[in-house]
Amino acid sequence: MMRRAVLVCIDGCGPEYLSAAGAFRWVDFSAEGWSMIPSVTNVNNVSILTGAYPREHGVTGNCYYDRAARSWVYMETPDFIRVETLVERIAELGLRTAVLASKDKLRALLGRGAGLSLSAERPPRWLRERLGEPPHIYSIEVDSWLMRAAVEVARSYAPDFMYISTTDYAMHMHPPGHAESRRHIRLIEDGLKGLLEVYEERGDEVLLCVTADHGMGDVERAVDLEVALRLRGVSVSVNVLIADRYVLHHRNMGGAAYVYLDDPSELYRALEALREVEGVEVALTAWQAARVYNLDPERIGDVVVLAARGYAFGLVGEEVVEVKLRSHGSIHEGRVPIMVHGADLDRRPRENRELAGLILEWLRQRDERCSGLPG
């Protein structure tokens, strides 16, 4: 009997989405845990796939401000990841690995060292020929296609480890109780059941771990921190950490931001000013935030700002404007599900990143070929 492992990140899936859909009641272990803060996609996918905090792996947002080059850079390449990923560590055991993502940016970011990596957004020809063209990336059905792709990869490639990351389009569009939200979760659940059946039909022993990179919340007011601070006499540049190329569903408005001061000597003046700004719940210096949230101080702003519930930060041109959207980034979207099926746990994981260690230990015990390898 061969051991296989599957690690799934359901993008944007706060625990309430699963309870509203009545989903995943069949798993052996299910609990609520925490994502990394800021609760954005790239930070957490990398933590899930490395088992490391952002201070170690170096990915601190979807976007990064390079002070030396004075330019904004999307954190979408593995060059930003400073540690080995689970994919690379498992490949060193001589095992097959695969990375599947709905968004191509995550395939590019996370696929380093994988024997096979693909996305539903830009799938390879052989997969299109077998499954048909995938739905648009801004759709619920794209994740259903991704699940079918996972089943096909399991059949034709038989990876020992597979990482799957969906898209949070459905969560940005619909609250947990909405019929489309429930349908989306059930499509993913049915797809994973089908994936397990493929391995089990071959007599394999399968460990399935499922979590999320962040939750999702309603936003009613957006705050432009650049405008707010300029009105209070402090000149800054602001990196809203949710910002990426997929803007339709969140409009680059999220609950976390890094503030870069034009004049570093105005740090405490900026902190005082932020106490007066509507919607600001947390404002910490880079040193404070690095300690509290395990961030790399060299890749964050002079000030780290988190939004209050119902607020988001964005470059909206006014200090505060009314909006209607669902987004994430703050501590309020930090609660995530943690589920394990196929193994008895010696300890209960409390953070999404802890699943990486569980899977590595499981696969190291896979067969005699892997026994005795160093930790």
Protein backbone atom coordinates (compact mmCIF):
# COMPACT_ATOMS: atom_id res chain seq x y z
CA MET A 1 0.00 0.00 0.00
CA MET A 2 1.40 3.36 -1.09
CA ARG A 3 0.95 6.56 0.86
CA ARG A 4 -0.25 9.66 -0.96
CA ALA A 5 -1.05 13.14 0.32
CA VAL A 6 -3.27 15.95 -0.94
CA LEU A 7 -3.18 19.48 0.49
CA VAL A 8 -5.99 21.83 -0.51
CA CYS A 9 -6.35 25.58 -0.02
CA ILE A 10 -9.95 26.69 -0.58
CA ASP A 11 -9.28 30.35 -1.30
CA GLY A 12 -11.33 32.75 0.83
CA CYS A 13 -13.16 30.00 2.69
CA GLY A 14 -14.01 31.16 6.19
CA PRO A 15 -15.43 28.36 8.38
CA GLU A 16 -18.96 29.77 7.97
CA TYR A 17 -18.96 28.80 4.29
CA LEU A 18 -18.57 25.13 5.16
CA SER A 19 -21.17 25.17 7.94
CA ALA A 20 -23.70 26.97 5.72
CA ALA A 21 -23.20 24.34 3.00
CA GLY A 22 -23.22 21.43 5.44
CA ALA A 23 -19.98 20.32 3.80
CA PHE A 24 -17.05 18.08 4.78
CA ARG A 25 -18.87 16.42 7.67
CA TRP A 26 -17.21 13.15 6.67
CA VAL A 27 -13.63 14.19 7.49
CA ASP A 28 -11.85 12.68 10.51
CA PHE A 29 -10.83 16.01 12.04
CA SER A 30 -12.34 19.47 11.62
CA ALA A 31 -11.63 22.64 13.58
CA GLU A 32 -11.30 26.39 13.25
CA GLY A 33 -7.82 27.82 13.17
CA TRP A 34 -5.90 30.90 12.07
CA SER A 35 -4.38 32.16 8.88
CA MET A 36 -1.34 34.37 8.74
CA ILE A 37 -1.90 38.12 9.08
CA PRO A 38 -2.22 39.97 6.73
CA SER A 39 -4.97 37.61 5.62
CA VAL A 40 -4.23 37.75 1.90
CA THR A 41 -3.72 35.09 -0.73
CA ASN A 42 0.00 35.03 -1.49
CA VAL A 43 1.15 35.31 2.12
CA ASN A 44 -0.98 32.39 3.22
CA ASN A 45 -0.54 30.08 0.25
CA VAL A 46 3.20 30.29 0.78
CA SER A 47 2.85 29.65 4.52
CA ILE A 48 0.56 26.68 3.84
CA LEU A 49 3.04 25.23 1.36
CA THR A 50 6.18 25.87 3.43
CA GLY A 51 4.96 25.51 7.01
CA ALA A 52 6.80 28.77 7.72
CA TYR A 53 5.80 32.20 8.96
CA PRO A 54 6.16 35.18 6.60
CA ARG A 55 9.21 36.35 8.56
CA GLU A 56 10.95 33.19 7.35
CA HIS A 57 9.62 32.71 3.82
CA GLY A 58 9.65 36.42 2.93
CA VAL A 59 6.29 36.81 1.17
CA THR A 60 4.48 39.62 2.99
CA GLY A 61 1.71 40.62 0.57
CA ASN A 62 0.35 40.20 -2.92
CA CYS A 63 2.40 43.23 -3.88
CA TYR A 64 5.80 44.46 -2.69
CA TYR A 65 7.38 47.91 -2.68
CA ASP A 66 11.05 47.80 -3.59
CA ARG A 67 12.47 50.86 -1.86
CA ALA A 68 15.83 50.63 -3.63
CA ALA A 69 14.23 50.55 -7.08
CA ARG A 70 11.30 52.75 -6.01
CA SER A 71 8.90 50.44 -7.78
CA TRP A 72 5.88 48.24 -7.02
CA VAL A 73 6.30 44.55 -7.79
CA TYR A 74 3.75 41.74 -7.71
CA MET A 75 5.01 38.92 -5.46
CA GLU A 76 4.23 36.26 -8.04
CA THR A 77 7.51 34.45 -8.60
CA PRO A 78 9.26 31.86 -6.41
CA ASP A 79 12.28 34.16 -6.22
CA PHE A 80 10.51 35.87 -3.32
CA ILE A 81 10.29 32.61 -1.32
CA ARG A 82 13.36 32.27 0.89
CA VAL A 83 12.81 28.74 2.17
CA GLU A 84 12.18 25.33 0.64
CA THR A 85 8.57 24.55 -0.10
CA LEU A 86 6.83 21.31 0.79
CA VAL A 87 6.93 20.45 -2.92
CA GLU A 88 10.71 20.73 -2.99
CA ARG A 89 11.21 18.81 0.24
CA ILE A 90 8.98 15.97 -0.92
CA ALA A 91 10.72 15.87 -4.30
CA GLU A 92 14.00 15.39 -2.41
CA LEU A 93 12.52 12.15 -1.06
CA GLY A 94 12.31 10.93 -4.65
CA LEU A 95 8.52 11.30 -4.73
CA ARG A 96 6.27 12.73 -7.44
CA THR A 97 4.71 16.15 -6.87
CA ALA A 98 2.05 18.24 -8.59
CA VAL A 99 0.77 21.79 -8.06
CA LEU A 100 -2.65 22.75 -9.41
CA ALA A 101 -4.19 26.21 -9.09
CA SER A 102 -7.14 28.06 -10.52
CA LYS A 103 -5.11 31.29 -10.76
CA ASP A 104 -2.02 31.17 -12.91
CA LYS A 105 -0.22 33.57 -10.57
CA LEU A 106 -0.29 30.89 -7.87
CA ARG A 107 0.97 28.22 -10.24
CA ALA A 108 3.92 30.49 -11.03
CA LEU A 109 4.54 31.38 -7.38
CA LEU A 110 4.18 27.90 -5.89
CA GLY A 111 5.26 25.52 -8.64
CA ARG A 112 9.01 25.61 -8.07
CA GLY A 113 10.42 22.10 -8.09
CA ALA A 114 7.11 20.41 -8.92
CA GLY A 115 7.14 17.51 -11.33
CA LEU A 116 3.91 18.91 -12.77
CA SER A 117 2.34 22.34 -12.33
CA LEU A 118 -0.69 23.76 -14.10
CA SER A 119 -3.52 26.25 -13.75
CA ALA A 120 -7.13 26.35 -14.84
CA GLU A 121 -6.52 29.86 -16.10
CA ARG A 122 -3.83 28.71 -18.57
CA PRO A 123 -4.05 24.93 -18.76
CA PRO A 124 -1.77 22.78 -20.91
CA ARG A 125 -3.08 21.53 -24.24
CA TRP A 126 -3.24 17.87 -23.18
CA LEU A 127 -5.57 18.74 -20.32
CA ARG A 128 -7.81 20.91 -22.49
CA GLU A 129 -8.10 18.06 -24.95
CA ARG A 130 -9.27 15.70 -22.19
CA LEU A 131 -11.51 18.02 -20.19
CA GLY A 132 -12.49 20.76 -22.63
CA GLU A 133 -11.78 24.45 -22.29
CA PRO A 134 -11.97 25.73 -18.70
CA PRO A 135 -14.56 28.33 -17.65
CA HIS A 136 -13.50 31.94 -17.14
CA ILE A 137 -11.33 32.64 -14.10
CA TYR A 138 -14.10 34.92 -12.76
CA SER A 139 -16.58 32.09 -12.32
CA ILE A 140 -17.65 29.46 -9.85
CA GLU A 141 -17.32 26.72 -12.44
CA VAL A 142 -13.56 27.25 -12.83
CA ASP A 143 -13.00 25.53 -9.49
CA SER A 144 -15.16 22.60 -10.57
CA TRP A 145 -12.95 22.30 -13.66
CA LEU A 146 -9.88 22.41 -11.40
CA MET A 147 -11.25 19.50 -9.37
CA ARG A 148 -11.77 17.50 -12.57
CA ALA A 149 -8.20 18.34 -13.54
CA ALA A 150 -6.99 17.03 -10.17
CA VAL A 151 -8.78 13.73 -10.80
CA GLU A 152 -7.22 13.49 -14.27
CA VAL A 153 -3.75 14.24 -12.88
CA ALA A 154 -4.22 11.57 -10.20
CA ARG A 155 -5.14 9.02 -12.86
CA SER A 156 -2.50 9.84 -15.44
CA TYR A 157 0.42 11.13 -13.35
CA ALA A 158 -0.25 9.57 -9.90
CA PRO A 159 1.60 12.15 -7.80
CA ASP A 160 2.59 11.18 -4.29
CA PHE A 161 1.82 14.74 -3.21
CA MET A 162 -0.63 17.15 -4.79
CA TYR A 163 -1.26 20.78 -3.81
CA ILE A 164 -4.52 22.34 -4.99
CA SER A 165 -5.44 26.01 -4.66
CA THR A 166 -8.83 27.33 -5.79
CA THR A 167 -10.03 30.91 -6.41
CA ASP A 168 -12.05 33.08 -4.02
CA TYR A 169 -14.24 34.66 -6.70
CA ALA A 170 -17.38 33.02 -5.27
CA MET A 171 -16.64 34.27 -1.75
CA HIS A 172 -16.04 37.82 -2.95
CA MET A 173 -19.37 37.72 -4.77
CA HIS A 174 -21.61 35.88 -2.30
CA PRO A 175 -22.01 35.51 1.50
CA PRO A 176 -21.97 32.04 3.09
CA GLY A 177 -25.73 31.46 3.07
CA HIS A 178 -26.18 32.30 -0.60
CA ALA A 179 -27.22 29.45 -2.90
CA GLU A 180 -24.22 30.05 -5.17
CA SER A 181 -21.84 29.86 -2.20
CA ARG A 182 -23.30 26.56 -1.14
CA ARG A 183 -23.11 25.25 -4.70
CA HIS A 184 -19.48 26.31 -4.98
CA ILE A 185 -18.44 24.52 -1.80
CA ARG A 186 -20.30 21.37 -2.78
CA LEU A 187 -18.61 21.34 -6.19
CA ILE A 188 -15.24 21.40 -4.47
CA GLU A 189 -16.29 18.79 -1.93
CA ASP A 190 -17.60 16.44 -4.63
CA GLY A 191 -14.40 16.93 -6.61
CA LEU A 192 -12.23 15.99 -3.65
CA LYS A 193 -14.33 12.92 -2.95
CA GLY A 194 -13.78 11.88 -6.55
CA LEU A 195 -10.05 12.46 -6.18
CA LEU A 196 -9.88 10.27 -3.09
CA GLU A 197 -11.75 7.51 -4.91
CA VAL A 198 -9.09 7.42 -7.63
CA TYR A 199 -6.33 6.77 -5.12
CA GLU A 200 -8.39 4.40 -3.01
CA GLU A 201 -9.34 2.31 -6.06
CA ARG A 202 -5.62 1.62 -6.48
CA GLY A 203 -5.36 0.58 -2.85
CA ASP A 204 -3.41 3.69 -1.81
CA GLU A 205 -3.52 5.13 1.68
CA VAL A 206 -4.46 8.82 1.30
CA LEU A 207 -4.00 11.74 3.65
CA LEU A 208 -6.22 14.71 2.74
CA CYS A 209 -5.65 18.08 4.42
CA VAL A 210 -7.93 21.04 3.66
CA THR A 211 -7.66 24.63 4.85
CA ALA A 212 -8.01 28.20 3.58
CA ASP A 213 -5.73 31.16 3.08
CA HIS A 214 -8.20 33.61 4.62
CA GLY A 215 -11.86 34.27 5.26
CA MET A 216 -14.07 36.99 3.81
CA GLY A 217 -16.14 39.89 5.15
CA ASP A 218 -18.61 42.53 4.04
CA VAL A 219 -17.15 45.99 3.41
CA GLU A 220 -19.30 49.11 3.54
CA ARG A 221 -16.73 51.90 3.67
CA ALA A 222 -13.34 52.33 2.00
CA VAL A 223 -10.57 54.52 3.44
CA ASP A 224 -7.80 56.11 1.38
CA LEU A 225 -4.87 56.24 3.78
CA GLU A 226 -2.78 58.41 1.47
CA VAL A 227 -5.51 61.08 1.43
CA ALA A 228 -6.21 60.74 5.15
CA LEU A 229 -2.57 61.20 6.12
CA ARG A 230 -1.95 63.97 3.60
CA LEU A 231 -4.87 65.91 5.10
CA ARG A 232 -3.11 65.56 8.46
CA GLY A 233 0.22 66.78 7.11
CA VAL A 234 2.00 63.46 6.56
CA SER A 235 3.15 62.47 3.05
CA VAL A 236 3.17 58.73 2.35
CA SER A 237 2.82 55.98 -0.25
CA VAL A 238 0.44 53.13 0.58
CA ASN A 239 0.57 49.49 -0.48
CA VAL A 240 -2.85 47.88 -0.13
CA LEU A 241 -1.78 44.27 0.33
CA ILE A 242 -4.67 42.64 -1.51
CA ALA A 243 -3.63 44.38 -4.74
CA ASP A 244 -2.95 41.99 -7.61
CA ARG A 245 -3.94 41.43 -11.25
CA TYR A 246 -7.34 39.95 -10.34
CA VAL A 247 -9.16 43.17 -9.54
CA LEU A 248 -12.74 42.55 -10.66
CA HIS A 249 -13.99 41.00 -7.43
CA HIS A 250 -12.15 43.08 -4.82
CA ARG A 251 -11.25 46.27 -6.77
CA ASN A 252 -7.89 46.36 -4.95
CA MET A 253 -9.59 47.21 -1.65
CA GLY A 254 -8.61 45.16 1.37
CA GLY A 255 -8.22 45.20 5.11
CA ALA A 256 -4.44 45.52 5.37
CA ALA A 257 -1.94 48.10 4.15
CA TYR A 258 1.71 49.02 4.45
CA VAL A 259 2.42 52.74 4.78
CA TYR A 260 5.75 54.07 3.46
CA LEU A 261 6.75 57.47 4.80
CA ASP A 262 8.33 60.04 2.54
CA ASP A 263 10.11 61.31 5.65
CA PRO A 264 10.97 58.49 8.10
CA SER A 265 11.32 60.99 10.95
CA GLU A 266 7.52 61.46 10.84
CA LEU A 267 6.84 57.92 12.05
CA TYR A 268 5.22 58.81 15.34
CA ARG A 269 3.37 61.72 13.82
CA ALA A 270 1.89 59.26 11.33
CA LEU A 271 0.89 56.87 14.12
CA GLU A 272 -0.83 59.71 15.99
CA ALA A 273 -2.64 60.77 12.83
CA LEU A 274 -3.83 57.22 12.11
CA ARG A 275 -5.53 57.11 15.51
CA GLU A 276 -7.92 59.75 14.18
CA VAL A 277 -8.70 58.00 10.88
CA GLU A 278 -12.03 56.27 10.60
CA GLY A 279 -11.81 52.52 10.01
CA VAL A 280 -8.26 52.06 11.33
CA GLU A 281 -8.21 49.37 14.01
CA VAL A 282 -4.48 48.61 14.26
CA ALA A 283 -1.48 50.78 13.40
CA LEU A 284 1.94 49.41 14.33
CA THR A 285 5.52 50.26 13.52
CA ALA A 286 7.36 47.80 11.29
CA TRP A 287 9.26 46.46 14.31
CA GLN A 288 6.07 45.95 16.31
CA ALA A 289 4.18 44.32 13.44
CA ALA A 290 7.08 42.01 12.63
CA ARG A 291 7.03 40.69 16.19
CA VAL A 292 3.25 40.46 16.59
CA TYR A 293 2.44 38.96 13.16
CA ASN A 294 5.72 37.16 12.38
CA LEU A 295 6.50 39.33 9.35
CA ASP A 296 9.79 40.06 7.62
CA PRO A 297 10.58 43.66 8.69
CA GLU A 298 12.55 44.27 5.49
CA ARG A 299 9.51 43.60 3.31
CA ILE A 300 6.85 45.65 5.04
CA GLY A 301 6.17 49.37 5.34
CA ASP A 302 7.16 51.82 8.04
CA VAL A 303 3.66 51.38 9.45
CA VAL A 304 1.39 48.33 9.21
CA VAL A 305 -2.32 49.17 9.28
CA LEU A 306 -5.27 46.80 9.71
CA ALA A 307 -8.90 47.76 9.14
CA ALA A 308 -11.85 47.57 11.50
CA ARG A 309 -14.71 45.24 10.65
CA GLY A 310 -16.71 46.55 7.69
CA TYR A 311 -13.85 48.71 6.36
CA ALA A 312 -11.22 48.32 3.67
CA PHE A 313 -8.31 50.40 2.44
CA GLY A 314 -8.01 51.50 -1.18
CA LEU A 315 -6.84 54.34 -3.39
CA VAL A 316 -10.32 55.81 -3.76
CA GLY A 317 -9.39 59.52 -3.96
CA GLU A 318 -11.30 60.60 -0.84
CA GLU A 319 -10.66 59.92 2.82
CA VAL A 320 -13.76 57.75 3.22
CA VAL A 321 -16.29 56.59 0.64
CA GLU A 322 -19.21 54.21 0.81
CA VAL A 323 -18.75 50.93 -1.07
CA LYS A 324 -20.42 47.56 -1.32
CA LEU A 325 -18.11 44.57 -1.68
CA ARG A 326 -16.67 41.60 0.14
CA SER A 327 -12.96 41.52 0.89
CA HIS A 328 -10.23 40.46 3.31
CA GLY A 329 -6.81 41.29 4.71
CA SER A 330 -7.49 42.23 8.33
CA ILE A 331 -7.55 40.08 11.44
CA HIS A 332 -11.33 39.75 11.06
CA GLU A 333 -10.80 37.47 8.05
CA GLY A 334 -8.14 35.41 9.81
CA ARG A 335 -10.33 32.50 10.93
CA VAL A 336 -10.01 29.47 8.62
CA PRO A 337 -11.09 25.83 8.63
CA ILE A 338 -8.49 23.13 9.25
CA MET A 339 -9.53 19.61 8.22
CA VAL A 340 -7.67 16.32 8.09
CA HIS A 341 -8.91 13.01 6.72
CA GLY A 342 -7.05 9.71 6.67
CA ALA A 343 -4.78 9.97 9.71
CA ASP A 344 -4.92 10.00 13.50
CA LEU A 345 -3.46 13.22 14.87
CA ASP A 346 -0.96 13.32 17.72
CA ARG A 347 -1.51 17.06 17.95
CA ARG A 348 -4.18 19.37 16.64
CA PRO A 349 -3.03 22.01 14.15
CA ARG A 350 -4.06 25.55 15.08
CA GLU A 351 -2.70 27.44 12.07
CA ASN A 352 -3.07 26.70 8.38
CA ARG A 353 0.71 26.50 7.97
CA GLU A 354 0.96 23.51 10.34
CA LEU A 355 -0.51 21.12 7.78
CA ALA A 356 2.75 21.14 5.82
CA GLY A 357 4.61 19.48 8.68
CA LEU A 358 1.87 16.90 9.10
CA ILE A 359 2.06 15.91 5.44
CA LEU A 360 5.85 15.77 5.36
CA GLU A 361 5.89 13.46 8.38
CA TRP A 362 3.22 11.26 6.78
CA LEU A 363 5.14 10.87 3.53
CA ARG A 364 8.46 10.25 5.25
CA GLN A 365 6.87 7.19 6.81
CA ARG A 366 5.52 6.10 3.42
CA ASP A 367 7.69 3.06 2.79
CA GLU A 368 11.13 1.58 3.46
CA ARG A 369 12.64 3.74 0.73
CA CYS A 370 11.99 6.87 2.82
CA SER A 371 12.71 5.48 6.28
CA GLY A 372 15.67 6.84 8.14
CA LEU A 373 15.84 10.10 6.23
CA PRO A 374 16.80 13.14 8.33
CA GLY A 375 14.11 15.56 9.47
